[in-house]
Amino acid sequence: MTAASLVARCVHGLEPTVAAEILRHGLGMITHIGHREVHFRAARTPASRGLALGLRTADDVFLLAARGADVGPSRQGVAALAELAAAADLAALARLRGEHGGPGALTGVEVSASFLGRRNFTRYDVEDAVGRALAVRLGVGYHSRRGGAPPPGHGGWRVTLDGERATLLLRIAERPLHRRAYKRRSVPGTLHPPVAAAMVAMAGIEPGDTVLDPCCGAGTLLVEAVRQRPGIRACGFDLAPRAVAAARENAAGLPVAVARADAGRLPVPDGVAHRVLANPPWGGQVAPGGLLAASAGRWWAEVRRVLAPGGTAVVLLPGVGEVPLGIRHGLTPVHLQRVRVAGAESFLVRWTAPRPG
């Protein structure tokens, strides 16, 4: 049984979190951690096959198809990237993709590309150079992303250029892992599911815990929490009726309670929550409303009130400027992790509430 080389792609800043999830579930041995990606050698046990598609903190997972040298910034170098397609063992890739839970047949081709640094070419130039070469080798059609999203049945390939290496990857699943099936409805400012999953992992939720989201939006944090940690009590609140409706639809069939309420005055007793998970409306994509519009401090005071002694809050912050305000309200920051969300620098911060005495 040949061990496949897999690559998990993720939000920048979550690379250590993804690596920890891979190790925690025994999916394989980490071989490299780079910009937005974690390389690992898949475990050889039959029981581990297909489990990589269950990664919650990764955006997607791929088979490593081929590697070469980065072609540099010149447009003239793009044509050489077709060599990646020539080097890929297509028969082995089709077999491995089937073994790891994806479709076995390599049908139509679509390619997405990304690169670091300034280049004198576009991502579409890279995609077309590699995609056309792959389509010729496979004897199938190629769909250029210049023309929009690909039709169904086109296998997802990816090319990355990191300044040293050019890498060709083949997606295992039919669609990216971050496109969760439960996300039937969305609202402005909705949280990227792998980021929500990372926040759940950071919170250290235990069986039987009460988990609360004071401004739950479309319910992403709560759904990720109950899927990762069955047996918890999950409840969320939001001031916007549209958000409450979206959260209820996304959480349908799950043990998640959602109600309309102001995050500055939650209808729950003091100390009720063992864990608080939150992506508050700081005024980026969503403006604060209700009591929070008058004072951000009101939000921190309410989080402190509802947290049980020794409880944990994990909060997504747009900057470190909010940290002193949380401290002034009696919370202690114990972990800070920089991430890039929706193209902007943000911070995941884990807080603890004081214990008595």
Protein backbone atom coordinates (compact mmCIF):
# COMPACT_ATOMS: atom_id res chain seq x y z
CA MET A 1 0.00 0.00 0.00
CA THR A 2 1.62 3.27 -1.15
CA ALA A 3 1.41 6.24 1.20
CA ALA A 4 0.10 9.30 -0.63
CA SER A 5 1.59 12.76 -0.24
CA LEU A 6 -1.26 15.09 0.74
CA VAL A 7 -1.46 18.87 1.06
CA ALA A 8 -4.01 20.69 3.21
CA ARG A 9 -4.59 24.30 2.15
CA CYS A 10 -5.82 26.78 4.77
CA VAL A 11 -6.28 30.38 5.87
CA HIS A 12 -2.93 32.04 6.50
CA GLY A 13 -2.21 31.79 10.22
CA LEU A 14 -4.04 28.49 10.71
CA GLU A 15 -1.17 26.32 9.46
CA PRO A 16 -0.20 25.12 12.99
CA THR A 17 -3.87 24.48 13.81
CA VAL A 18 -4.32 22.34 10.70
CA ALA A 19 -1.12 20.41 11.45
CA ALA A 20 -2.35 19.75 14.99
CA GLU A 21 -5.69 18.45 13.66
CA ILE A 22 -3.90 16.10 11.23
CA LEU A 23 -1.79 14.67 14.06
CA ARG A 24 -4.68 14.50 16.53
CA HIS A 25 -6.70 12.32 14.16
CA GLY A 26 -3.74 10.17 13.10
CA LEU A 27 -4.02 11.15 9.44
CA GLY A 28 -0.29 10.98 8.79
CA MET A 29 3.13 12.50 9.38
CA ILE A 30 3.74 16.22 8.79
CA THR A 31 6.50 16.73 6.22
CA HIS A 32 6.36 20.49 5.58
CA ILE A 33 4.51 23.58 6.76
CA GLY A 34 4.50 26.52 4.36
CA HIS A 35 2.45 29.57 3.46
CA ARG A 36 -1.22 28.52 3.70
CA GLU A 37 -0.41 24.83 3.38
CA VAL A 38 0.53 21.75 5.39
CA HIS A 39 2.13 18.79 3.65
CA PHE A 40 1.76 15.34 5.18
CA ARG A 41 2.45 11.74 4.32
CA ALA A 42 -0.83 9.86 4.67
CA ALA A 43 -1.04 7.07 7.21
CA ARG A 44 -0.82 3.63 5.62
CA THR A 45 -3.66 2.07 7.63
CA PRO A 46 -6.83 1.29 5.65
CA ALA A 47 -8.92 2.78 8.49
CA SER A 48 -7.39 6.22 7.87
CA ARG A 49 -8.34 6.33 4.19
CA GLY A 50 -10.88 9.03 3.46
CA LEU A 51 -10.53 10.68 6.87
CA ALA A 52 -8.61 13.62 5.41
CA LEU A 53 -11.90 14.79 3.91
CA GLY A 54 -13.13 15.31 7.48
CA LEU A 55 -10.57 18.03 8.26
CA ARG A 56 -12.52 20.94 9.75
CA THR A 57 -9.81 23.62 9.95
CA ALA A 58 -8.51 23.18 6.38
CA ASP A 59 -9.97 24.96 3.37
CA ASP A 60 -9.26 21.96 1.18
CA VAL A 61 -7.08 18.87 0.84
CA PHE A 62 -5.16 17.74 -2.25
CA LEU A 63 -2.91 15.02 -3.59
CA LEU A 64 0.59 16.21 -4.43
CA ALA A 65 0.80 15.66 -8.21
CA ALA A 66 4.12 17.19 -9.28
CA ARG A 67 6.80 19.68 -8.29
CA GLY A 68 9.24 21.84 -10.19
CA ALA A 69 11.19 25.07 -9.90
CA ASP A 70 9.34 28.37 -9.60
CA VAL A 71 9.49 30.04 -13.02
CA GLY A 72 10.14 33.52 -11.61
CA PRO A 73 8.37 36.79 -12.46
CA SER A 74 8.78 36.76 -16.26
CA ARG A 75 5.81 36.02 -18.49
CA GLN A 76 8.11 33.98 -20.73
CA GLY A 77 8.50 31.40 -17.97
CA VAL A 78 4.80 30.52 -17.78
CA ALA A 79 4.92 28.07 -20.69
CA ALA A 80 7.41 25.94 -18.76
CA LEU A 81 4.74 25.21 -16.15
CA ALA A 82 3.19 22.76 -18.61
CA GLU A 83 6.03 20.45 -17.53
CA LEU A 84 4.15 19.95 -14.25
CA ALA A 85 1.35 18.31 -16.22
CA ALA A 86 3.84 16.15 -18.08
CA ALA A 87 5.47 14.99 -14.82
CA ALA A 88 2.23 13.96 -13.05
CA ASP A 89 1.47 10.23 -12.80
CA LEU A 90 -2.17 10.52 -13.80
CA ALA A 91 -3.06 6.85 -13.35
CA ALA A 92 -1.64 6.79 -9.81
CA LEU A 93 -3.41 10.05 -8.95
CA ALA A 94 -6.77 8.69 -10.10
CA ARG A 95 -6.27 5.55 -8.00
CA LEU A 96 -5.17 7.46 -4.91
CA ARG A 97 -8.01 9.95 -5.16
CA GLY A 98 -10.49 7.10 -5.18
CA GLU A 99 -8.78 5.43 -2.23
CA HIS A 100 -8.98 8.66 -0.22
CA GLY A 101 -12.70 9.16 -0.72
CA GLY A 102 -12.87 11.14 -3.95
CA PRO A 103 -14.07 10.22 -7.44
CA GLY A 104 -11.61 7.94 -9.17
CA ALA A 105 -12.05 9.10 -12.76
CA LEU A 106 -10.15 12.17 -13.98
CA THR A 107 -12.76 13.91 -16.10
CA GLY A 108 -12.84 17.53 -17.29
CA VAL A 109 -10.04 19.84 -16.13
CA GLU A 110 -10.25 23.15 -14.27
CA VAL A 111 -7.26 24.78 -12.57
CA SER A 112 -6.90 27.50 -9.95
CA ALA A 113 -3.55 29.17 -9.34
CA SER A 114 -1.93 31.40 -6.75
CA PHE A 115 1.55 32.84 -6.30
CA LEU A 116 3.62 34.86 -3.90
CA GLY A 117 5.37 38.05 -4.98
CA ARG A 118 4.95 40.36 -7.94
CA ARG A 119 4.70 38.69 -11.34
CA ASN A 120 4.44 39.89 -14.93
CA PHE A 121 1.64 37.44 -15.58
CA THR A 122 -1.76 36.66 -14.14
CA ARG A 123 -3.16 33.60 -12.39
CA TYR A 124 -5.18 32.92 -15.55
CA ASP A 125 -1.96 32.63 -17.58
CA VAL A 126 -0.71 29.95 -15.17
CA GLU A 127 -4.04 28.13 -15.12
CA ASP A 128 -4.31 28.00 -18.91
CA ALA A 129 -0.72 26.79 -19.40
CA VAL A 130 -1.16 23.87 -17.01
CA GLY A 131 -4.84 23.17 -17.67
CA ARG A 132 -4.50 22.82 -21.41
CA ALA A 133 -1.54 20.46 -21.01
CA LEU A 134 -3.47 18.33 -18.51
CA ALA A 135 -6.53 18.19 -20.78
CA VAL A 136 -4.41 16.98 -23.71
CA ARG A 137 -2.84 14.22 -21.60
CA LEU A 138 -6.21 13.10 -20.25
CA GLY A 139 -8.12 13.48 -23.50
CA VAL A 140 -10.83 15.57 -21.81
CA GLY A 141 -12.12 19.15 -21.97
CA TYR A 142 -10.53 22.13 -20.25
CA HIS A 143 -12.55 24.95 -18.70
CA SER A 144 -10.66 28.24 -18.28
CA ARG A 145 -11.60 30.20 -15.17
CA ARG A 146 -11.46 33.32 -17.33
CA GLY A 147 -14.96 32.28 -18.31
CA GLY A 148 -16.29 31.85 -14.78
CA ALA A 149 -17.01 28.84 -12.61
CA PRO A 150 -16.51 25.40 -14.20
CA PRO A 151 -19.40 23.10 -15.03
CA PRO A 152 -20.00 19.98 -12.89
CA GLY A 153 -17.63 17.06 -13.39
CA HIS A 154 -14.47 19.10 -13.90
CA GLY A 155 -11.72 17.90 -11.54
CA GLY A 156 -10.13 20.61 -9.42
CA TRP A 157 -6.38 21.08 -9.93
CA ARG A 158 -4.31 23.75 -8.21
CA VAL A 159 -0.94 25.34 -9.03
CA THR A 160 1.06 27.29 -6.43
CA LEU A 161 4.25 29.31 -6.89
CA ASP A 162 6.00 30.18 -3.63
CA GLY A 163 9.20 31.78 -4.92
CA GLU A 164 11.16 28.53 -4.85
CA ARG A 165 8.86 25.79 -6.05
CA ALA A 166 6.04 25.30 -8.49
CA THR A 167 3.58 22.71 -7.20
CA LEU A 168 0.70 20.94 -8.93
CA LEU A 169 -2.08 19.56 -6.72
CA LEU A 170 -5.24 17.55 -7.37
CA ARG A 171 -8.28 18.11 -5.14
CA ILE A 172 -9.52 14.87 -3.58
CA ALA A 173 -13.17 15.82 -3.03
CA GLU A 174 -15.55 17.03 -5.72
CA ARG A 175 -15.77 20.46 -4.08
CA PRO A 176 -13.63 22.40 -1.56
CA LEU A 177 -13.95 21.28 2.06
CA HIS A 178 -14.73 24.80 3.28
CA ARG A 179 -18.04 24.72 1.38
CA ARG A 180 -20.04 23.14 4.18
CA ALA A 181 -23.29 21.45 3.23
CA TYR A 182 -25.05 22.97 6.25
CA LYS A 183 -24.33 26.55 5.10
CA ARG A 184 -27.63 26.97 3.29
CA ARG A 185 -28.03 30.64 4.21
CA SER A 186 -25.54 33.43 4.77
CA VAL A 187 -25.53 36.99 6.13
CA PRO A 188 -23.03 39.87 5.81
CA GLY A 189 -19.93 39.21 7.89
CA THR A 190 -20.60 35.47 8.12
CA LEU A 191 -17.59 33.57 9.44
CA HIS A 192 -15.46 31.33 7.23
CA PRO A 193 -16.21 27.78 8.49
CA PRO A 194 -12.57 26.62 8.90
CA VAL A 195 -11.86 29.72 11.01
CA ALA A 196 -14.90 28.89 13.13
CA ALA A 197 -13.65 25.31 13.47
CA ALA A 198 -10.25 26.61 14.61
CA MET A 199 -11.94 28.77 17.25
CA VAL A 200 -13.86 25.73 18.51
CA ALA A 201 -10.64 23.73 18.76
CA MET A 202 -8.95 26.61 20.60
CA ALA A 203 -11.77 26.81 23.16
CA GLY A 204 -11.12 23.36 24.63
CA ILE A 205 -14.82 22.48 24.86
CA GLU A 206 -15.66 19.55 27.12
CA PRO A 207 -18.68 17.18 27.00
CA GLY A 208 -21.65 18.73 28.76
CA ASP A 209 -20.39 22.31 28.40
CA THR A 210 -22.75 25.17 27.66
CA VAL A 211 -21.41 27.08 24.65
CA LEU A 212 -22.78 30.55 23.90
CA ASP A 213 -22.39 32.91 20.94
CA PRO A 214 -23.69 36.42 21.81
CA CYS A 215 -23.82 37.59 18.16
CA CYS A 216 -24.18 34.38 16.21
CA GLY A 217 -24.87 35.66 12.69
CA ALA A 218 -25.57 32.66 10.44
CA GLY A 219 -24.72 30.25 13.27
CA THR A 220 -21.40 29.00 11.89
CA LEU A 221 -19.58 28.88 15.23
CA LEU A 222 -22.40 27.00 16.94
CA VAL A 223 -22.78 24.45 14.15
CA GLU A 224 -19.03 23.81 14.08
CA ALA A 225 -19.07 23.42 17.87
CA VAL A 226 -21.80 20.77 17.97
CA ARG A 227 -20.27 18.89 15.05
CA GLN A 228 -16.84 18.76 16.69
CA ARG A 229 -18.07 18.28 20.26
CA PRO A 230 -21.33 16.26 20.44
CA GLY A 231 -23.15 16.33 23.77
CA ILE A 232 -22.78 20.05 24.46
CA ARG A 233 -25.49 22.67 24.98
CA ALA A 234 -25.20 25.36 22.29
CA CYS A 235 -27.14 28.61 22.21
CA GLY A 236 -26.82 31.75 20.13
CA PHE A 237 -28.30 35.23 19.99
CA ASP A 238 -28.39 37.96 17.39
CA LEU A 239 -30.14 41.31 17.14
CA ALA A 240 -30.89 40.96 13.43
CA PRO A 241 -34.00 38.89 12.56
CA ARG A 242 -32.38 37.90 9.26
CA ALA A 243 -29.38 36.45 11.10
CA VAL A 244 -31.60 34.54 13.54
CA ALA A 245 -33.52 32.99 10.63
CA ALA A 246 -30.28 32.06 8.83
CA ALA A 247 -28.77 30.49 11.96
CA ARG A 248 -31.89 28.45 12.61
CA GLU A 249 -31.93 27.13 9.04
CA ASN A 250 -28.21 26.29 9.05
CA ALA A 251 -28.52 24.53 12.41
CA ALA A 252 -31.72 22.64 11.50
CA GLY A 253 -31.72 19.19 13.06
CA LEU A 254 -28.85 20.00 15.42
CA PRO A 255 -29.02 20.69 19.18
CA VAL A 256 -28.59 24.45 18.74
CA ALA A 257 -30.98 27.03 20.24
CA VAL A 258 -31.10 30.48 18.58
CA ALA A 259 -33.06 33.54 19.72
CA ARG A 260 -33.18 37.26 19.02
CA ALA A 261 -31.45 39.38 21.67
CA ASP A 262 -29.06 42.29 22.15
CA ALA A 263 -25.48 41.11 22.78
CA GLY A 264 -25.20 43.91 25.34
CA ARG A 265 -28.03 42.48 27.46
CA LEU A 266 -28.33 38.71 26.99
CA PRO A 267 -31.39 36.91 28.45
CA VAL A 268 -29.31 34.37 30.40
CA PRO A 269 -28.18 34.12 34.05
CA ASP A 270 -24.74 35.13 35.31
CA GLY A 271 -22.02 32.50 34.84
CA VAL A 272 -24.13 30.24 32.63
CA ALA A 273 -21.56 29.66 29.85
CA HIS A 274 -18.53 27.41 30.13
CA ARG A 275 -17.38 28.65 26.73
CA VAL A 276 -18.14 31.79 24.70
CA LEU A 277 -17.35 31.84 20.98
CA ALA A 278 -17.77 35.10 19.12
CA ASN A 279 -17.10 37.08 15.96
CA PRO A 280 -18.53 40.42 17.16
CA PRO A 281 -19.71 43.22 14.84
CA TRP A 282 -16.72 45.55 15.17
CA GLY A 283 -17.83 47.79 12.30
CA GLY A 284 -15.98 46.16 9.39
CA GLN A 285 -18.55 44.27 7.35
CA VAL A 286 -21.27 44.68 9.98
CA ALA A 287 -21.90 47.77 12.12
CA PRO A 288 -22.64 47.25 15.82
CA GLY A 289 -26.25 47.78 16.78
CA GLY A 290 -28.35 48.07 19.91
CA LEU A 291 -26.39 48.64 23.10
CA LEU A 292 -23.09 47.84 21.37
CA ALA A 293 -23.48 50.85 19.07
CA ALA A 294 -23.04 53.11 22.08
CA SER A 295 -20.18 51.28 23.77
CA ALA A 296 -17.90 48.36 22.82
CA GLY A 297 -17.19 48.02 26.52
CA ARG A 298 -20.76 46.84 27.00
CA TRP A 299 -19.98 43.75 24.94
CA TRP A 300 -16.94 42.85 27.07
CA ALA A 301 -18.87 43.42 30.29
CA GLU A 302 -21.60 41.06 29.12
CA VAL A 303 -19.12 38.35 28.09
CA ARG A 304 -17.53 38.61 31.53
CA ARG A 305 -20.95 38.35 33.17
CA VAL A 306 -22.14 35.23 31.35
CA LEU A 307 -18.85 33.32 31.60
CA ALA A 308 -18.63 30.76 34.38
CA PRO A 309 -15.68 31.08 36.81
CA GLY A 310 -12.62 29.77 34.99
CA GLY A 311 -14.56 29.73 31.72
CA THR A 312 -13.04 30.39 28.31
CA ALA A 313 -13.93 32.83 25.55
CA VAL A 314 -12.46 32.70 22.04
CA VAL A 315 -13.00 35.94 20.12
CA LEU A 316 -12.05 37.05 16.61
CA LEU A 317 -10.64 40.58 16.83
CA PRO A 318 -9.87 42.98 13.95
CA GLY A 319 -6.77 44.22 15.80
CA VAL A 320 -4.92 44.06 19.09
CA GLY A 321 -6.36 47.43 20.13
CA GLU A 322 -9.35 45.65 21.66
CA VAL A 323 -7.19 43.55 23.98
CA PRO A 324 -6.75 46.20 26.75
CA LEU A 325 -10.53 46.70 26.87
CA GLY A 326 -11.07 43.00 27.50
CA ILE A 327 -8.45 43.05 30.24
CA ARG A 328 -10.12 46.03 31.91
CA HIS A 329 -13.31 43.99 32.13
CA GLY A 330 -11.63 41.22 34.09
CA LEU A 331 -10.69 38.78 31.34
CA THR A 332 -7.16 37.41 30.87
CA PRO A 333 -5.79 36.83 27.36
CA VAL A 334 -3.86 33.54 27.34
CA HIS A 335 -3.32 32.93 23.62
CA LEU A 336 -3.20 35.17 20.55
CA GLN A 337 -2.99 33.90 16.98
CA ARG A 338 -2.67 36.11 13.92
CA VAL A 339 -4.82 35.07 10.94
CA ARG A 340 -5.81 36.62 7.65
CA VAL A 341 -9.59 36.68 7.19
CA ALA A 342 -11.28 38.10 4.08
CA GLY A 343 -7.99 39.72 3.07
CA ALA A 344 -7.51 41.55 6.37
CA GLU A 345 -5.25 40.87 9.32
CA SER A 346 -7.22 39.63 12.32
CA PHE A 347 -6.49 37.92 15.63
CA LEU A 348 -7.93 34.89 17.39
CA VAL A 349 -7.68 35.50 21.11
CA ARG A 350 -8.44 33.02 23.89
CA TRP A 351 -9.51 34.56 27.20
CA THR A 352 -10.18 33.09 30.62
CA ALA A 353 -12.46 34.33 33.36
CA PRO A 354 -11.09 34.47 36.92
CA ARG A 355 -11.78 31.67 39.39
CA PRO A 356 -13.09 32.42 42.86
CA GLY A 357 -10.52 33.10 45.59
